[in-house]
Amino acid sequence: MGPINEYWYQEKNLKVGTVAAGRIDIYGLDESKYHGGMSEYSLPPMTRESWERFSDWLEEFETEELWSVHALFDEFESQTLYSIEWV
C-alpha cells in the first residue's frame, strides 16, 4: 500500500490514518504475457478497516485465472458478508 499525501486528508476533511489506498500485487501469471509473471491492480481509497479486512482476505485467496478487480471485490463481500467502505 502506498502512502496518501496528508494534504489529501485535509482536503477531504479526514483524519490522517483513517483511509488507505494502494494496489493488489498479482503473482504467478504467464510470463509470456506479463512481465515477470506479475501484474497489479490499483485500489481506490477505502476506510482503514476495509483495507485491513480486504488485505487479510487476499493473503489467502488464490485463483487459477486472472480475475478482474471488481470480481475480487464481489467475491470478498460475498464470502465475508462485509461491504467495503469506499472513501
N, C-alpha and C. Protein backbone atom coordinates (compact mmCIF):
# COMPACT_ATOMS: atom_id res chain seq x y z
N MET A 1 0.84 -1.17 0.00
CA MET A 1 0.00 0.00 0.00
C MET A 1 0.89 1.23 0.00
N GLY A 2 0.58 2.16 -0.85
CA GLY A 2 1.33 3.39 -0.90
C GLY A 2 0.72 4.46 -0.01
N PRO A 3 1.53 5.39 0.42
CA PRO A 3 1.02 6.45 1.29
C PRO A 3 0.17 7.45 0.53
N ILE A 4 -0.73 8.07 1.22
CA ILE A 4 -1.54 9.15 0.67
C ILE A 4 -1.00 10.44 1.27
N ASN A 5 -0.84 11.44 0.46
CA ASN A 5 -0.34 12.72 0.92
C ASN A 5 -1.27 13.30 1.99
N GLU A 6 -0.70 13.89 3.04
CA GLU A 6 -1.51 14.46 4.13
C GLU A 6 -2.45 15.55 3.63
N TYR A 7 -2.05 16.27 2.59
CA TYR A 7 -2.93 17.30 2.02
C TYR A 7 -4.24 16.67 1.55
N TRP A 8 -4.17 15.47 1.00
CA TRP A 8 -5.37 14.78 0.52
C TRP A 8 -6.36 14.59 1.67
N TYR A 9 -5.86 14.19 2.84
CA TYR A 9 -6.72 14.04 4.02
C TYR A 9 -7.36 15.37 4.40
N GLN A 10 -6.55 16.42 4.44
CA GLN A 10 -7.06 17.74 4.82
C GLN A 10 -8.12 18.21 3.84
N GLU A 11 -7.84 18.02 2.55
CA GLU A 11 -8.77 18.43 1.52
C GLU A 11 -10.13 17.74 1.65
N LYS A 12 -10.11 16.47 2.09
CA LYS A 12 -11.33 15.67 2.23
C LYS A 12 -11.91 15.75 3.65
N ASN A 13 -11.25 16.55 4.51
CA ASN A 13 -11.67 16.70 5.90
C ASN A 13 -11.70 15.36 6.63
N LEU A 14 -10.63 14.57 6.45
CA LEU A 14 -10.50 13.26 7.08
C LEU A 14 -9.33 13.25 8.05
N LYS A 15 -9.41 12.41 9.05
CA LYS A 15 -8.33 12.23 9.99
C LYS A 15 -7.25 11.35 9.34
N VAL A 16 -5.98 11.78 9.46
CA VAL A 16 -4.87 11.01 8.88
C VAL A 16 -4.88 9.59 9.46
N GLY A 17 -4.71 8.61 8.58
CA GLY A 17 -4.67 7.22 9.00
C GLY A 17 -6.01 6.50 8.96
N THR A 18 -7.08 7.21 8.61
CA THR A 18 -8.40 6.57 8.57
C THR A 18 -8.74 6.02 7.19
N VAL A 19 -7.91 6.37 6.21
CA VAL A 19 -8.15 5.96 4.83
C VAL A 19 -6.90 5.28 4.29
N ALA A 20 -7.10 4.27 3.47
CA ALA A 20 -5.98 3.57 2.85
C ALA A 20 -6.27 3.38 1.37
N ALA A 21 -5.22 3.36 0.59
CA ALA A 21 -5.32 3.08 -0.84
C ALA A 21 -3.99 2.47 -1.27
N GLY A 22 -3.99 1.83 -2.38
CA GLY A 22 -2.75 1.22 -2.84
C GLY A 22 -2.99 0.34 -4.03
N ARG A 23 -2.49 -0.89 -3.94
CA ARG A 23 -2.61 -1.79 -5.08
C ARG A 23 -2.65 -3.24 -4.60
N ILE A 24 -3.12 -4.08 -5.50
CA ILE A 24 -3.05 -5.52 -5.31
C ILE A 24 -1.93 -6.02 -6.21
N ASP A 25 -0.94 -6.66 -5.63
CA ASP A 25 0.13 -7.28 -6.41
C ASP A 25 -0.32 -8.68 -6.80
N ILE A 26 -0.15 -9.01 -8.08
CA ILE A 26 -0.60 -10.29 -8.62
C ILE A 26 0.62 -11.07 -9.11
N TYR A 27 0.75 -12.30 -8.65
CA TYR A 27 1.90 -13.14 -8.98
C TYR A 27 1.43 -14.43 -9.65
N GLY A 28 2.37 -15.10 -10.32
CA GLY A 28 2.09 -16.42 -10.89
C GLY A 28 1.41 -16.40 -12.24
N LEU A 29 1.51 -15.29 -12.94
CA LEU A 29 0.87 -15.18 -14.26
C LEU A 29 1.80 -15.71 -15.35
N ASP A 30 1.25 -15.91 -16.53
CA ASP A 30 2.00 -16.37 -17.69
C ASP A 30 3.08 -15.33 -18.02
N GLU A 31 4.34 -15.74 -17.94
CA GLU A 31 5.45 -14.81 -18.16
C GLU A 31 5.56 -14.34 -19.61
N SER A 32 4.95 -15.07 -20.53
CA SER A 32 4.97 -14.62 -21.93
C SER A 32 3.97 -13.48 -22.16
N LYS A 33 3.02 -13.32 -21.24
CA LYS A 33 2.01 -12.26 -21.37
C LYS A 33 2.22 -11.13 -20.36
N TYR A 34 2.83 -11.43 -19.22
CA TYR A 34 3.00 -10.46 -18.15
C TYR A 34 4.47 -10.43 -17.73
N HIS A 35 5.05 -9.26 -17.72
CA HIS A 35 6.47 -9.10 -17.36
C HIS A 35 6.75 -9.74 -16.00
N GLY A 36 7.64 -10.72 -15.99
CA GLY A 36 8.00 -11.40 -14.76
C GLY A 36 6.88 -12.23 -14.17
N GLY A 37 5.81 -12.43 -14.93
CA GLY A 37 4.67 -13.20 -14.42
C GLY A 37 3.88 -12.45 -13.36
N MET A 38 4.00 -11.11 -13.37
CA MET A 38 3.34 -10.30 -12.34
C MET A 38 2.51 -9.18 -12.98
N SER A 39 1.55 -8.71 -12.22
CA SER A 39 0.74 -7.56 -12.61
C SER A 39 0.24 -6.91 -11.32
N GLU A 40 -0.58 -5.89 -11.47
CA GLU A 40 -1.14 -5.24 -10.30
C GLU A 40 -2.44 -4.54 -10.65
N TYR A 41 -3.27 -4.35 -9.65
CA TYR A 41 -4.48 -3.55 -9.77
C TYR A 41 -4.37 -2.39 -8.78
N SER A 42 -4.69 -1.20 -9.23
CA SER A 42 -4.78 -0.05 -8.33
C SER A 42 -6.08 -0.15 -7.54
N LEU A 43 -6.01 0.27 -6.29
CA LEU A 43 -7.20 0.28 -5.45
C LEU A 43 -7.59 1.70 -5.09
N PRO A 44 -8.86 2.03 -5.24
CA PRO A 44 -9.30 3.37 -4.82
C PRO A 44 -9.30 3.46 -3.29
N PRO A 45 -9.33 4.67 -2.76
CA PRO A 45 -9.33 4.83 -1.30
C PRO A 45 -10.54 4.17 -0.65
N MET A 46 -10.27 3.54 0.48
CA MET A 46 -11.29 2.91 1.30
C MET A 46 -10.94 3.16 2.77
N THR A 47 -11.86 2.86 3.65
CA THR A 47 -11.54 3.05 5.06
C THR A 47 -10.42 2.10 5.47
N ARG A 48 -9.71 2.48 6.51
CA ARG A 48 -8.61 1.66 7.02
C ARG A 48 -9.12 0.26 7.38
N GLU A 49 -10.28 0.18 8.04
CA GLU A 49 -10.84 -1.12 8.42
C GLU A 49 -11.11 -1.98 7.18
N SER A 50 -11.69 -1.38 6.15
CA SER A 50 -11.96 -2.13 4.92
C SER A 50 -10.67 -2.61 4.29
N TRP A 51 -9.65 -1.72 4.27
CA TRP A 51 -8.35 -2.10 3.70
C TRP A 51 -7.78 -3.31 4.44
N GLU A 52 -7.80 -3.25 5.77
CA GLU A 52 -7.22 -4.34 6.55
C GLU A 52 -7.97 -5.65 6.34
N ARG A 53 -9.29 -5.60 6.30
CA ARG A 53 -10.08 -6.81 6.08
C ARG A 53 -9.84 -7.38 4.67
N PHE A 54 -9.86 -6.51 3.68
CA PHE A 54 -9.66 -6.94 2.30
C PHE A 54 -8.25 -7.50 2.12
N SER A 55 -7.28 -6.82 2.67
CA SER A 55 -5.88 -7.26 2.58
C SER A 55 -5.68 -8.63 3.23
N ASP A 56 -6.24 -8.82 4.42
CA ASP A 56 -6.13 -10.11 5.10
C ASP A 56 -6.77 -11.22 4.27
N TRP A 57 -7.92 -10.94 3.71
CA TRP A 57 -8.63 -11.92 2.88
C TRP A 57 -7.80 -12.27 1.65
N LEU A 58 -7.20 -11.27 1.01
CA LEU A 58 -6.40 -11.51 -0.20
C LEU A 58 -5.17 -12.37 0.08
N GLU A 59 -4.63 -12.30 1.28
CA GLU A 59 -3.43 -13.07 1.63
C GLU A 59 -3.63 -14.57 1.38
N GLU A 60 -4.85 -15.06 1.57
CA GLU A 60 -5.14 -16.48 1.44
C GLU A 60 -5.85 -16.83 0.13
N PHE A 61 -6.22 -15.82 -0.66
CA PHE A 61 -7.03 -16.05 -1.85
C PHE A 61 -6.16 -16.37 -3.05
N GLU A 62 -6.50 -17.45 -3.76
CA GLU A 62 -5.80 -17.85 -4.98
C GLU A 62 -6.81 -18.27 -6.03
N THR A 63 -6.45 -18.02 -7.29
CA THR A 63 -7.28 -18.47 -8.40
C THR A 63 -6.38 -19.08 -9.46
N GLU A 64 -6.98 -19.84 -10.34
CA GLU A 64 -6.24 -20.42 -11.47
C GLU A 64 -6.18 -19.44 -12.63
N GLU A 65 -7.08 -18.47 -12.66
CA GLU A 65 -7.18 -17.49 -13.73
C GLU A 65 -7.10 -16.09 -13.14
N LEU A 66 -6.75 -15.12 -13.97
CA LEU A 66 -6.71 -13.73 -13.54
C LEU A 66 -8.13 -13.19 -13.46
N TRP A 67 -8.54 -12.78 -12.29
CA TRP A 67 -9.87 -12.19 -12.08
C TRP A 67 -9.78 -10.68 -12.21
N SER A 68 -10.88 -10.06 -12.57
CA SER A 68 -10.94 -8.60 -12.58
C SER A 68 -10.95 -8.11 -11.13
N VAL A 69 -10.56 -6.88 -10.95
CA VAL A 69 -10.57 -6.32 -9.59
C VAL A 69 -11.99 -6.26 -9.05
N HIS A 70 -12.95 -6.01 -9.91
CA HIS A 70 -14.35 -5.95 -9.45
C HIS A 70 -14.86 -7.33 -9.04
N ALA A 71 -14.42 -8.37 -9.72
CA ALA A 71 -14.78 -9.73 -9.32
C ALA A 71 -14.18 -10.04 -7.95
N LEU A 72 -12.98 -9.55 -7.68
CA LEU A 72 -12.37 -9.74 -6.36
C LEU A 72 -13.17 -9.04 -5.28
N PHE A 73 -13.59 -7.80 -5.55
CA PHE A 73 -14.41 -7.08 -4.57
C PHE A 73 -15.70 -7.86 -4.28
N ASP A 74 -16.35 -8.32 -5.35
CA ASP A 74 -17.61 -9.06 -5.20
C ASP A 74 -17.41 -10.35 -4.40
N GLU A 75 -16.35 -11.08 -4.70
CA GLU A 75 -16.09 -12.34 -4.01
C GLU A 75 -15.77 -12.10 -2.54
N PHE A 76 -14.98 -11.08 -2.26
CA PHE A 76 -14.67 -10.72 -0.88
C PHE A 76 -15.95 -10.43 -0.11
N GLU A 77 -16.80 -9.58 -0.68
CA GLU A 77 -18.03 -9.20 0.01
C GLU A 77 -18.97 -10.39 0.16
N SER A 78 -18.99 -11.27 -0.81
CA SER A 78 -19.83 -12.46 -0.75
C SER A 78 -19.35 -13.43 0.34
N GLN A 79 -18.05 -13.66 0.40
CA GLN A 79 -17.50 -14.60 1.38
C GLN A 79 -17.51 -14.07 2.80
N THR A 80 -17.26 -12.77 2.96
CA THR A 80 -17.12 -12.21 4.31
C THR A 80 -18.38 -11.54 4.83
N LEU A 81 -19.33 -11.28 3.93
CA LEU A 81 -20.54 -10.53 4.27
C LEU A 81 -20.21 -9.14 4.80
N TYR A 82 -19.08 -8.60 4.38
CA TYR A 82 -18.62 -7.25 4.75
C TYR A 82 -18.59 -6.40 3.50
N SER A 83 -19.20 -5.23 3.53
CA SER A 83 -19.20 -4.31 2.38
C SER A 83 -18.04 -3.34 2.52
N ILE A 84 -17.22 -3.27 1.51
CA ILE A 84 -16.10 -2.33 1.52
C ILE A 84 -16.66 -0.91 1.59
N GLU A 85 -16.08 -0.13 2.49
CA GLU A 85 -16.49 1.28 2.65
C GLU A 85 -15.52 2.14 1.84
N TRP A 86 -16.01 2.61 0.69
CA TRP A 86 -15.18 3.44 -0.19
C TRP A 86 -15.20 4.88 0.30
N VAL A 87 -14.09 5.57 0.09
CA VAL A 87 -13.98 6.97 0.51
C VAL A 87 -13.94 7.85 -0.72
